[in-house]
Amino acid sequence: MTDPSSGEGPGASAFEVHNPPTSEGIGDNDHDVVLDFRRLSPLTPIAKSGIWLAAAAFAVGRDVINQRETGVSGAAGIAGVIVVLGLLTGFASWWRTRFRITGSELRIDTGLLSRRSRRVRLDRIVSVDINQPFIARLLSVAELRIETATTDSEVHLSYLSLVEAEEIRRLLVRHRAAETATAADQPAAAILARVTLPWHLTALLASGETISLLFLGAAALVLASLGYSLSAFGFSLAGILGLGVSFLRKLVGRWNWVVSQTPAGVQVHHGMFNLSTQTFTLSRLQSVRVKEPFLWRPWGLASLELSVAGGLRKEGEETSGLVLPAAPAPLVWALAAQLIGADIARVQLSGPGKRAWMVSPIAWRWLGFGMDETLMVSRSGWLSPITTVVPVARAQSLRVTRGPVQALLGLSTFRVDAPRGATGITAPERDGDDARALLERAAELAHAARLPNRAPQSPLETSNTGLPPEQEAWTSTSAPSSP
């Protein structure tokens, strides 16, 4: 095992199991060290702030070239000092960041002035993903994102050489308590779905955001050609540019979207410049949601989202648990059945109460809810239907609520609560007796689904130990019938 301070390259891939004595920390189990202390890639400071450093260096260089005779301006001198200080601070932060892996935990020590040591139990690791922002790809380094079943759920190792990141990922997966197979025993990822370019562009163009951008752009050009002031009509260049940036971000971010089945769960890989990977562990899956936007329906497209216990990473597209951003509806429903482990179409939906039209004059016709021994399904939305599916075994708590208007009309709302970060399910505007009957029926089914001696009817009906499903069965299905 080489010490990072020995001068050897950060991409060394030889991991040795050994037990050297160490004086670092209190309470460490030095006898089961798997990977001794090492540092991140020396290119980490450049990968984290490469764009800003390059811009500052360019500004300083241009000023030096343009003012060779008169000398460097004060602004250029300040920019040069900022560049130097940034490099020194980044180097010091990199030097003071170390990590190591034992048989039971991952330890990360950080901090330049105030030291911080974080310990992550390996048996609490949910997923380990490798991401490569654009600058990191140019430098052949990668970020290791470790999702854990804790409140502060995400841990980062930014940045490692790509080879080292892949080997540490395999090492962490192999030493998880929930994993029994070694990396060599794990089968290769099987592609479940790939978002083709026509689907991607159709969904992107047939969106309210794109239509608004085209309308505002055309109106701005017409008004400008007629000599009118755009500000007089409330046009904001910043707003139009914001819509354009959002369009480009989705175009680039959702590029080459691939959904694969791996031993750790369902993995989503996408990106044109910034390569992003996210793994959803099916044993923690709480619900799936199918959306059919109005502008997509002529082309038969839909999207698929999911929610997991403990929440999802909060960065742009990944906040919602997006699995398929746009795909033909049959493919979306088939993948939803694959994830949930049951046939969604077999659940029959019933409508709301007789007086629901007084609360929701338009939407009440498209409200539906149904359940069977394994699934609870709700549907809402007139122009853009949204269907949410929750396994009965995942119900955390059940309740019936009633507002003042509902009380006057004899209506109630049945709610199924989910863990933090997950999506619950509701049956709004039901008759009072119907809502109470749903509550009693759901309580019986949820209790039966959690009985230890009951044979599971779905791969998701597992105990709370986090054990992954043994087998995933591809099920071709269609949308549940409307009420």
Protein backbone atom coordinates (compact mmCIF):
# COMPACT_ATOMS: atom_id res chain seq x y z
CA MET A 1 0.00 0.00 0.00
CA THR A 2 1.44 3.37 -0.99
CA ASP A 3 1.04 6.48 1.12
CA PRO A 4 -0.39 9.39 -0.86
CA SER A 5 2.46 11.54 0.36
CA SER A 6 5.06 9.22 -1.10
CA GLY A 7 4.82 10.89 -4.48
CA GLU A 8 3.27 8.00 -6.38
CA GLY A 9 0.35 8.67 -8.69
CA PRO A 10 -3.14 9.01 -7.29
CA GLY A 11 -4.47 6.48 -9.72
CA ALA A 12 -2.62 3.54 -8.20
CA SER A 13 -5.05 0.66 -8.22
CA ALA A 14 -3.43 -1.83 -5.86
CA PHE A 15 -5.63 -2.18 -2.78
CA GLU A 16 -4.14 -4.28 -0.02
CA VAL A 17 -5.82 -5.66 3.05
CA HIS A 18 -3.45 -5.07 5.93
CA ASN A 19 -3.40 -3.99 9.54
CA PRO A 20 -0.73 -1.35 10.11
CA PRO A 21 -0.72 0.51 13.43
CA THR A 22 -1.88 4.12 13.23
CA SER A 23 -2.08 6.97 15.65
CA GLU A 24 -4.89 8.74 13.80
CA GLY A 25 -8.16 9.14 15.70
CA ILE A 26 -9.59 7.58 18.80
CA GLY A 27 -11.61 4.42 18.77
CA ASP A 28 -10.52 3.29 15.30
CA ASN A 29 -10.46 -0.42 14.54
CA ASP A 30 -6.98 -0.64 13.03
CA HIS A 31 -7.00 -4.42 12.93
CA ASP A 32 -9.50 -4.57 10.05
CA VAL A 33 -8.19 -1.82 7.78
CA VAL A 34 -9.05 -2.58 4.17
CA LEU A 35 -7.74 0.59 2.56
CA ASP A 36 -5.37 2.76 4.59
CA PHE A 37 -5.42 6.54 4.63
CA ARG A 38 -4.99 8.14 1.23
CA ARG A 39 -5.70 11.48 -0.33
CA LEU A 40 -7.84 12.54 -3.25
CA SER A 41 -6.44 13.21 -6.69
CA PRO A 42 -3.95 16.12 -6.80
CA LEU A 43 -6.07 17.51 -9.64
CA THR A 44 -8.98 18.06 -7.23
CA PRO A 45 -8.41 21.84 -6.77
CA ILE A 46 -8.40 22.35 -10.53
CA ALA A 47 -11.45 20.13 -11.07
CA LYS A 48 -13.46 22.02 -8.42
CA SER A 49 -12.58 25.54 -9.58
CA GLY A 50 -11.05 25.02 -13.00
CA ILE A 51 -13.45 27.32 -14.86
CA TRP A 52 -12.97 30.25 -12.47
CA LEU A 53 -9.21 29.83 -12.33
CA ALA A 54 -9.02 29.62 -16.12
CA ALA A 55 -11.16 32.76 -16.50
CA ALA A 56 -9.05 34.69 -14.00
CA ALA A 57 -5.80 33.50 -15.58
CA PHE A 58 -7.11 34.48 -19.02
CA ALA A 59 -8.06 37.95 -17.79
CA VAL A 60 -4.63 38.45 -16.20
CA GLY A 61 -2.81 37.16 -19.28
CA ARG A 62 -4.80 39.36 -21.64
CA ASP A 63 -4.15 42.41 -19.49
CA VAL A 64 -0.43 41.64 -19.34
CA ILE A 65 -0.24 41.30 -23.15
CA ASN A 66 -2.25 44.45 -23.81
CA GLN A 67 -0.29 46.57 -21.34
CA ARG A 68 3.26 45.34 -21.75
CA GLU A 69 4.54 48.87 -22.10
CA THR A 70 2.45 50.64 -19.46
CA GLY A 71 2.58 47.83 -16.93
CA VAL A 72 -0.03 45.60 -15.36
CA SER A 73 -3.18 47.31 -14.10
CA GLY A 74 -4.36 47.08 -10.53
CA ALA A 75 -7.33 44.91 -11.48
CA ALA A 76 -5.05 42.41 -13.21
CA GLY A 77 -2.78 42.34 -10.19
CA ILE A 78 -5.73 41.66 -7.87
CA ALA A 79 -6.96 38.90 -10.20
CA GLY A 80 -3.49 37.36 -10.20
CA VAL A 81 -3.39 37.39 -6.40
CA ILE A 82 -6.84 35.73 -6.31
CA VAL A 83 -5.63 33.00 -8.65
CA VAL A 84 -2.57 32.31 -6.51
CA LEU A 85 -4.57 32.34 -3.27
CA GLY A 86 -7.16 30.03 -4.82
CA LEU A 87 -4.52 27.54 -5.86
CA LEU A 88 -2.85 27.65 -2.43
CA THR A 89 -6.16 27.25 -0.58
CA GLY A 90 -7.23 24.40 -2.86
CA PHE A 91 -3.92 22.64 -2.38
CA ALA A 92 -4.08 23.03 1.41
CA SER A 93 -7.66 21.71 1.47
CA TRP A 94 -6.65 18.75 -0.70
CA TRP A 95 -3.65 18.01 1.53
CA ARG A 96 -5.82 18.01 4.67
CA THR A 97 -8.49 15.70 3.21
CA ARG A 98 -7.92 11.98 3.67
CA PHE A 99 -10.05 8.87 3.74
CA ARG A 100 -9.73 5.22 4.58
CA ILE A 101 -11.89 2.09 4.61
CA THR A 102 -12.08 -0.55 7.30
CA GLY A 103 -14.15 -3.70 7.38
CA SER A 104 -17.05 -1.80 8.95
CA GLU A 105 -16.83 1.88 8.00
CA LEU A 106 -15.61 4.58 5.66
CA ARG A 107 -13.79 7.42 7.41
CA ILE A 108 -13.29 10.86 5.81
CA ASP A 109 -11.17 13.52 7.52
CA THR A 110 -11.54 17.06 6.19
CA GLY A 111 -10.95 20.64 7.28
CA LEU A 112 -8.19 23.17 6.87
CA LEU A 113 -8.51 25.03 10.19
CA SER A 114 -11.35 23.12 11.89
CA ARG A 115 -10.92 19.39 11.51
CA ARG A 116 -13.94 17.17 10.86
CA SER A 117 -14.01 13.39 10.79
CA ARG A 118 -17.03 11.62 9.36
CA ARG A 119 -17.67 7.90 9.72
CA VAL A 120 -20.03 6.01 7.41
CA ARG A 121 -21.02 2.46 8.29
CA LEU A 122 -20.66 0.22 5.29
CA ASP A 123 -23.85 -1.68 6.10
CA ARG A 124 -25.78 1.62 5.86
CA ILE A 125 -24.60 2.37 2.34
CA VAL A 126 -27.50 2.29 -0.12
CA SER A 127 -25.73 3.07 -3.39
CA VAL A 128 -22.32 4.12 -4.71
CA ASP A 129 -22.28 6.10 -7.97
CA ILE A 130 -19.60 7.68 -10.13
CA ASN A 131 -20.22 11.12 -11.69
CA GLN A 132 -18.02 13.15 -14.01
CA PRO A 133 -18.67 16.86 -14.51
CA PHE A 134 -17.27 18.32 -17.71
CA ILE A 135 -14.03 19.66 -16.21
CA ALA A 136 -13.50 16.36 -14.40
CA ARG A 137 -13.87 14.46 -17.68
CA LEU A 138 -11.15 16.61 -19.24
CA LEU A 139 -8.86 15.78 -16.31
CA SER A 140 -9.81 12.05 -16.21
CA VAL A 141 -11.04 12.29 -12.63
CA ALA A 142 -14.43 11.42 -11.16
CA GLU A 143 -16.61 12.09 -8.14
CA LEU A 144 -17.71 9.20 -5.94
CA ARG A 145 -21.18 9.74 -4.48
CA ILE A 146 -22.18 7.49 -1.62
CA GLU A 147 -25.84 7.41 -0.62
CA THR A 148 -26.56 6.22 2.92
CA ALA A 149 -29.68 5.37 4.90
CA THR A 150 -29.17 8.27 7.31
CA THR A 151 -30.44 11.85 7.73
CA ASP A 152 -27.33 13.37 6.15
CA SER A 153 -27.68 10.86 3.39
CA GLU A 154 -24.96 11.73 0.86
CA VAL A 155 -21.18 11.53 1.09
CA HIS A 156 -18.81 12.80 -1.59
CA LEU A 157 -15.26 11.90 -2.50
CA SER A 158 -14.34 14.63 -4.99
CA TYR A 159 -12.20 13.93 -6.93
CA LEU A 160 -10.47 10.61 -7.58
CA SER A 161 -8.83 9.28 -10.69
CA LEU A 162 -11.39 7.38 -12.75
CA VAL A 163 -9.63 4.04 -12.24
CA GLU A 164 -9.37 4.61 -8.50
CA ALA A 165 -13.02 5.68 -8.24
CA GLU A 166 -14.17 2.50 -9.97
CA GLU A 167 -12.05 0.28 -7.73
CA ILE A 168 -13.17 2.03 -4.53
CA ARG A 169 -16.76 1.70 -5.65
CA ARG A 170 -16.32 -2.05 -6.12
CA LEU A 171 -14.56 -2.24 -2.77
CA LEU A 172 -17.39 -0.48 -0.93
CA VAL A 173 -20.07 -2.56 -2.62
CA ARG A 174 -18.21 -5.77 -1.85
CA HIS A 175 -17.83 -4.92 1.84
CA ARG A 176 -21.41 -3.86 2.44
CA ALA A 177 -23.15 -6.09 4.94
CA ALA A 178 -26.13 -6.42 2.61
CA GLU A 179 -24.00 -7.62 -0.29
CA THR A 180 -22.75 -11.19 -0.36
CA ALA A 181 -21.41 -11.49 -3.89
CA THR A 182 -18.04 -10.15 -4.90
CA ALA A 183 -17.59 -7.78 -7.80
CA ALA A 184 -16.40 -10.65 -9.96
CA ASP A 185 -19.59 -12.59 -9.19
CA GLN A 186 -21.94 -9.76 -10.13
CA PRO A 187 -23.49 -9.91 -13.59
CA ALA A 188 -23.13 -7.04 -16.01
CA ALA A 189 -25.76 -4.34 -16.10
CA ALA A 190 -28.73 -5.10 -18.35
CA ILE A 191 -30.25 -2.16 -20.22
CA LEU A 192 -33.97 -1.83 -19.51
CA ALA A 193 -34.71 1.32 -21.51
CA ARG A 194 -32.92 3.98 -23.52
CA VAL A 195 -34.46 7.37 -24.31
CA THR A 196 -33.98 7.86 -28.04
CA LEU A 197 -33.23 11.24 -29.58
CA PRO A 198 -36.73 11.61 -31.18
CA TRP A 199 -38.42 11.01 -27.81
CA HIS A 200 -36.04 13.41 -26.11
CA LEU A 201 -36.51 16.22 -28.63
CA THR A 202 -40.27 15.72 -28.91
CA ALA A 203 -40.74 15.94 -25.14
CA LEU A 204 -38.47 18.94 -24.93
CA LEU A 205 -40.15 20.85 -27.75
CA ALA A 206 -43.68 19.89 -26.64
CA SER A 207 -43.35 21.58 -23.26
CA GLY A 208 -44.82 24.76 -21.86
CA GLU A 209 -41.35 26.08 -21.20
CA THR A 210 -40.30 25.76 -24.86
CA ILE A 211 -43.56 27.19 -26.18
CA SER A 212 -43.22 30.16 -23.83
CA LEU A 213 -39.63 30.70 -24.97
CA LEU A 214 -40.63 30.64 -28.65
CA PHE A 215 -43.60 32.95 -28.09
CA LEU A 216 -41.62 35.47 -26.06
CA GLY A 217 -38.74 35.38 -28.53
CA ALA A 218 -41.00 35.94 -31.52
CA ALA A 219 -42.90 38.73 -29.76
CA ALA A 220 -39.66 40.43 -28.76
CA LEU A 221 -38.38 40.32 -32.34
CA VAL A 222 -41.62 41.78 -33.71
CA LEU A 223 -41.72 44.60 -31.17
CA ALA A 224 -38.04 45.39 -31.67
CA SER A 225 -38.47 45.50 -35.47
CA LEU A 226 -41.35 47.96 -35.04
CA GLY A 227 -39.20 50.21 -32.87
CA TYR A 228 -41.03 49.61 -29.58
CA SER A 229 -39.24 49.40 -26.26
CA LEU A 230 -39.37 45.85 -24.91
CA SER A 231 -39.34 47.03 -21.31
CA ALA A 232 -42.56 48.96 -21.95
CA PHE A 233 -44.31 45.64 -22.62
CA GLY A 234 -42.81 43.93 -19.59
CA PHE A 235 -40.22 41.94 -21.52
CA SER A 236 -37.15 41.02 -19.51
CA LEU A 237 -33.99 39.89 -21.25
CA ALA A 238 -32.99 38.05 -18.08
CA GLY A 239 -36.28 36.13 -18.09
CA ILE A 240 -35.93 35.11 -21.73
CA LEU A 241 -32.33 34.07 -21.17
CA GLY A 242 -33.40 32.10 -18.10
CA LEU A 243 -35.88 30.10 -20.18
CA GLY A 244 -33.18 29.52 -22.79
CA VAL A 245 -30.69 28.31 -20.19
CA SER A 246 -33.30 25.96 -18.71
CA PHE A 247 -34.00 24.57 -22.20
CA LEU A 248 -30.31 23.96 -22.87
CA ARG A 249 -29.80 22.41 -19.44
CA LYS A 250 -32.53 19.84 -20.11
CA LEU A 251 -31.29 19.24 -23.63
CA VAL A 252 -27.75 18.53 -22.46
CA GLY A 253 -28.55 16.97 -19.08
CA ARG A 254 -31.02 14.39 -20.38
CA TRP A 255 -28.85 13.43 -23.34
CA ASN A 256 -28.27 9.69 -23.87
CA TRP A 257 -30.53 8.67 -20.98
CA VAL A 258 -30.10 4.98 -20.18
CA VAL A 259 -31.88 2.89 -17.51
CA SER A 260 -30.12 -0.34 -16.50
CA GLN A 261 -30.70 -3.20 -14.09
CA THR A 262 -27.71 -3.81 -11.81
CA PRO A 263 -27.22 -6.04 -8.75
CA ALA A 264 -27.50 -2.91 -6.56
CA GLY A 265 -30.78 -1.78 -8.15
CA VAL A 266 -31.95 0.32 -11.07
CA GLN A 267 -29.25 2.63 -12.41
CA VAL A 268 -29.84 5.80 -14.43
CA HIS A 269 -27.00 7.16 -16.56
CA HIS A 270 -27.23 10.36 -18.61
CA GLY A 271 -25.51 13.54 -19.73
CA MET A 272 -23.72 15.04 -22.71
CA PHE A 273 -20.92 16.96 -21.00
CA ASN A 274 -21.51 16.14 -17.32
CA LEU A 275 -21.90 12.38 -16.95
CA SER A 276 -24.26 11.58 -14.09
CA THR A 277 -25.14 8.21 -12.57
CA GLN A 278 -27.75 7.45 -9.93
CA THR A 279 -28.72 4.09 -8.48
CA PHE A 280 -32.12 3.41 -6.92
CA THR A 281 -32.19 0.49 -4.50
CA LEU A 282 -35.45 -1.38 -5.05
CA SER A 283 -35.58 -2.60 -1.45
CA ARG A 284 -36.06 1.05 -0.41
CA LEU A 285 -38.56 1.93 -3.15
CA GLN A 286 -41.73 3.51 -1.73
CA SER A 287 -43.76 4.54 -4.75
CA VAL A 288 -43.72 5.11 -8.50
CA ARG A 289 -45.45 7.91 -10.38
CA VAL A 290 -46.41 8.07 -14.06
CA LYS A 291 -47.07 11.48 -15.60
CA GLU A 292 -48.75 12.05 -18.95
CA PRO A 293 -48.45 15.77 -19.79
CA PHE A 294 -51.14 17.21 -22.05
CA LEU A 295 -48.70 18.35 -24.75
CA TRP A 296 -47.12 14.87 -24.88
CA ARG A 297 -50.32 12.89 -25.26
CA PRO A 298 -50.64 13.32 -29.06
CA TRP A 299 -47.26 11.59 -29.35
CA GLY A 300 -48.09 8.94 -26.73
CA LEU A 301 -45.26 9.92 -24.38
CA ALA A 302 -45.11 9.73 -20.59
CA SER A 303 -42.53 10.05 -17.81
CA LEU A 304 -41.71 7.88 -14.81
CA GLU A 305 -40.59 8.99 -11.36
CA LEU A 306 -40.03 7.12 -8.13
CA SER A 307 -39.46 7.93 -4.49
CA VAL A 308 -37.31 6.06 -2.00
CA ALA A 309 -37.13 6.02 1.78
CA GLY A 310 -34.69 8.59 3.12
CA GLY A 311 -35.12 11.04 0.24
CA LEU A 312 -33.30 11.66 -3.00
CA ARG A 313 -30.36 13.76 -3.95
CA LYS A 314 -31.36 17.40 -4.30
CA GLU A 315 -29.65 18.53 -7.45
CA GLY A 316 -31.78 19.65 -10.37
CA GLU A 317 -33.24 16.77 -12.34
CA GLU A 318 -32.41 14.16 -9.72
CA THR A 319 -34.55 15.74 -6.99
CA SER A 320 -37.76 14.12 -8.30
CA GLY A 321 -36.32 10.64 -8.72
CA LEU A 322 -36.67 10.82 -12.49
CA VAL A 323 -36.20 7.37 -14.06
CA LEU A 324 -37.58 7.96 -17.57
CA PRO A 325 -37.89 11.62 -18.62
CA ALA A 326 -39.86 10.76 -21.78
CA ALA A 327 -40.77 7.47 -23.45
CA PRO A 328 -43.78 5.79 -25.09
CA ALA A 329 -46.51 5.17 -22.53
CA PRO A 330 -46.49 1.34 -22.90
CA LEU A 331 -42.77 1.26 -22.14
CA VAL A 332 -43.24 3.55 -19.15
CA TRP A 333 -46.03 1.40 -17.71
CA ALA A 334 -44.00 -1.77 -18.29
CA LEU A 335 -41.00 -0.31 -16.46
CA ALA A 336 -43.27 0.88 -13.64
CA ALA A 337 -44.55 -2.68 -13.26
CA GLN A 338 -40.94 -3.90 -13.30
CA LEU A 339 -39.98 -1.55 -10.48
CA ILE A 340 -43.06 -2.09 -8.34
CA GLY A 341 -43.02 -5.85 -8.90
CA ALA A 342 -46.73 -6.27 -9.68
CA ASP A 343 -49.30 -5.77 -12.42
CA ILE A 344 -50.69 -2.27 -11.99
CA ALA A 345 -53.52 -2.75 -14.52
CA ARG A 346 -55.28 -5.30 -12.34
CA VAL A 347 -56.15 -2.62 -9.73
CA GLN A 348 -59.65 -1.27 -10.41
CA LEU A 349 -60.18 2.41 -9.59
CA SER A 350 -63.34 3.92 -8.14
CA GLY A 351 -64.45 7.54 -8.30
CA PRO A 352 -64.94 10.12 -5.53
CA GLY A 353 -68.10 10.89 -3.56
CA LYS A 354 -71.41 12.09 -5.00
CA ARG A 355 -70.85 15.69 -3.89
CA ALA A 356 -67.21 15.87 -5.02
CA TRP A 357 -68.23 18.06 -7.99
CA MET A 358 -69.08 20.84 -5.54
CA VAL A 359 -65.46 20.94 -4.35
CA SER A 360 -63.74 20.17 -7.66
CA PRO A 361 -66.19 21.12 -10.44
CA ILE A 362 -63.90 19.98 -13.28
CA ALA A 363 -61.29 17.61 -11.84
CA TRP A 364 -63.66 15.38 -9.87
CA ARG A 365 -64.42 13.19 -12.90
CA TRP A 366 -60.75 12.22 -13.16
CA LEU A 367 -60.18 11.40 -9.48
CA GLY A 368 -59.74 7.70 -8.82
CA PHE A 369 -58.42 5.36 -6.14
CA GLY A 370 -58.17 1.60 -5.78
CA MET A 371 -56.28 -1.11 -3.92
CA ASP A 372 -55.76 -4.84 -3.84
CA GLU A 373 -53.63 -7.16 -1.71
CA THR A 374 -50.35 -5.66 -2.91
CA LEU A 375 -50.89 -2.19 -4.40
CA MET A 376 -52.62 1.12 -3.76
CA VAL A 377 -53.20 3.26 -6.86
CA SER A 378 -54.48 6.83 -7.19
CA ARG A 379 -55.08 8.91 -10.30
CA SER A 380 -55.75 12.61 -10.71
CA GLY A 381 -55.56 15.24 -13.43
CA TRP A 382 -57.77 16.16 -16.35
CA LEU A 383 -55.42 17.40 -19.06
CA SER A 384 -52.27 15.86 -17.57
CA PRO A 385 -53.10 12.63 -15.69
CA ILE A 386 -50.81 11.60 -12.84
CA THR A 387 -50.93 8.04 -11.48
CA THR A 388 -49.22 7.17 -8.19
CA VAL A 389 -48.64 3.57 -7.10
CA VAL A 390 -47.64 2.55 -3.56
CA PRO A 391 -47.06 -1.04 -2.39
CA VAL A 392 -49.37 -1.93 0.48
CA ALA A 393 -46.36 -3.22 2.44
CA ARG A 394 -44.80 0.26 2.28
CA ALA A 395 -47.66 2.12 3.99
CA GLN A 396 -46.28 3.85 7.09
CA SER A 397 -49.50 5.30 8.50
CA LEU A 398 -53.12 5.70 7.41
CA ARG A 399 -55.52 8.50 8.23
CA VAL A 400 -58.76 10.16 7.22
CA THR A 401 -58.92 13.95 7.20
CA ARG A 402 -61.83 16.35 6.70
CA GLY A 403 -61.82 20.10 6.12
CA PRO A 404 -64.63 22.55 6.94
CA VAL A 405 -66.11 22.46 3.43
CA GLN A 406 -65.78 18.69 3.26
CA ALA A 407 -67.55 18.38 6.62
CA LEU A 408 -70.53 20.33 5.29
CA LEU A 409 -70.71 18.06 2.24
CA GLY A 410 -70.04 14.79 4.07
CA LEU A 411 -66.75 14.22 2.27
CA SER A 412 -63.34 13.08 3.56
CA THR A 413 -59.83 12.45 2.25
CA PHE A 414 -58.07 9.14 2.81
CA ARG A 415 -54.27 9.52 3.11
CA VAL A 416 -51.42 7.03 3.10
CA ASP A 417 -48.28 8.53 4.61
CA ALA A 418 -44.78 7.66 3.41
CA PRO A 419 -41.33 7.93 5.06
CA ARG A 420 -39.35 11.17 4.88
CA GLY A 421 -38.40 12.00 1.34
CA ALA A 422 -40.96 9.64 -0.23
CA THR A 423 -44.27 10.38 -1.93
CA GLY A 424 -47.51 9.44 -0.21
CA ILE A 425 -50.87 8.75 -1.79
CA THR A 426 -54.36 10.20 -1.30
CA ALA A 427 -57.96 9.43 -2.17
CA PRO A 428 -59.60 12.88 -2.06
CA GLU A 429 -63.26 13.82 -1.88
CA ARG A 430 -64.61 10.42 -0.82
CA ASP A 431 -67.88 9.89 0.98
CA GLY A 432 -67.33 9.68 4.73
CA ASP A 433 -68.32 6.03 5.02
CA ASP A 434 -66.25 5.15 1.95
CA ALA A 435 -63.14 6.85 3.40
CA ARG A 436 -63.49 4.97 6.68
CA ALA A 437 -63.97 1.68 4.82
CA LEU A 438 -60.81 2.40 2.82
CA LEU A 439 -58.95 3.07 6.07
CA GLU A 440 -60.04 -0.20 7.66
CA ARG A 441 -59.36 -2.22 4.50
CA ALA A 442 -55.92 -0.67 4.02
CA ALA A 443 -55.01 -1.30 7.65
CA GLU A 444 -55.87 -5.00 7.30
CA LEU A 445 -53.93 -5.35 4.05
CA ALA A 446 -50.88 -3.50 5.37
CA HIS A 447 -50.85 -5.64 8.52
CA ALA A 448 -51.14 -8.83 6.48
CA ALA A 449 -48.39 -7.71 4.10
CA ARG A 450 -45.99 -7.25 7.03
CA LEU A 451 -46.60 -10.64 8.66
CA PRO A 452 -43.23 -12.42 8.96
CA ASN A 453 -44.54 -15.85 7.95
CA ARG A 454 -46.45 -14.62 4.91
CA ALA A 455 -44.98 -15.44 1.51
CA PRO A 456 -44.35 -12.17 -0.38
CA GLN A 457 -46.51 -11.58 -3.43
CA SER A 458 -44.20 -8.83 -4.74
CA PRO A 459 -40.40 -8.47 -4.80
CA LEU A 460 -40.84 -5.26 -2.79
CA GLU A 461 -42.61 -7.01 0.06
CA THR A 462 -39.48 -7.50 2.14
CA SER A 463 -38.67 -6.75 5.73
CA ASN A 464 -37.12 -3.48 6.79
CA THR A 465 -33.65 -5.02 6.82
CA GLY A 466 -32.98 -3.57 3.38
CA LEU A 467 -32.36 -6.89 1.65
CA PRO A 468 -32.60 -6.50 -2.14
CA PRO A 469 -35.14 -8.50 -4.16
CA GLU A 470 -33.84 -11.85 -5.31
CA GLN A 471 -35.30 -11.60 -8.76
CA GLU A 472 -36.97 -8.94 -10.89
CA ALA A 473 -39.59 -10.09 -13.40
CA TRP A 474 -40.32 -8.02 -16.48
CA THR A 475 -44.06 -7.48 -16.69
CA SER A 476 -45.71 -5.92 -19.73
CA THR A 477 -48.79 -4.03 -18.62
CA SER A 478 -50.90 -1.02 -19.40
CA ALA A 479 -52.37 1.81 -17.39
CA PRO A 480 -54.98 0.96 -14.75
CA SER A 481 -58.53 1.43 -15.84
CA SER A 482 -60.07 4.81 -15.10
CA PRO A 483 -62.98 5.10 -12.74
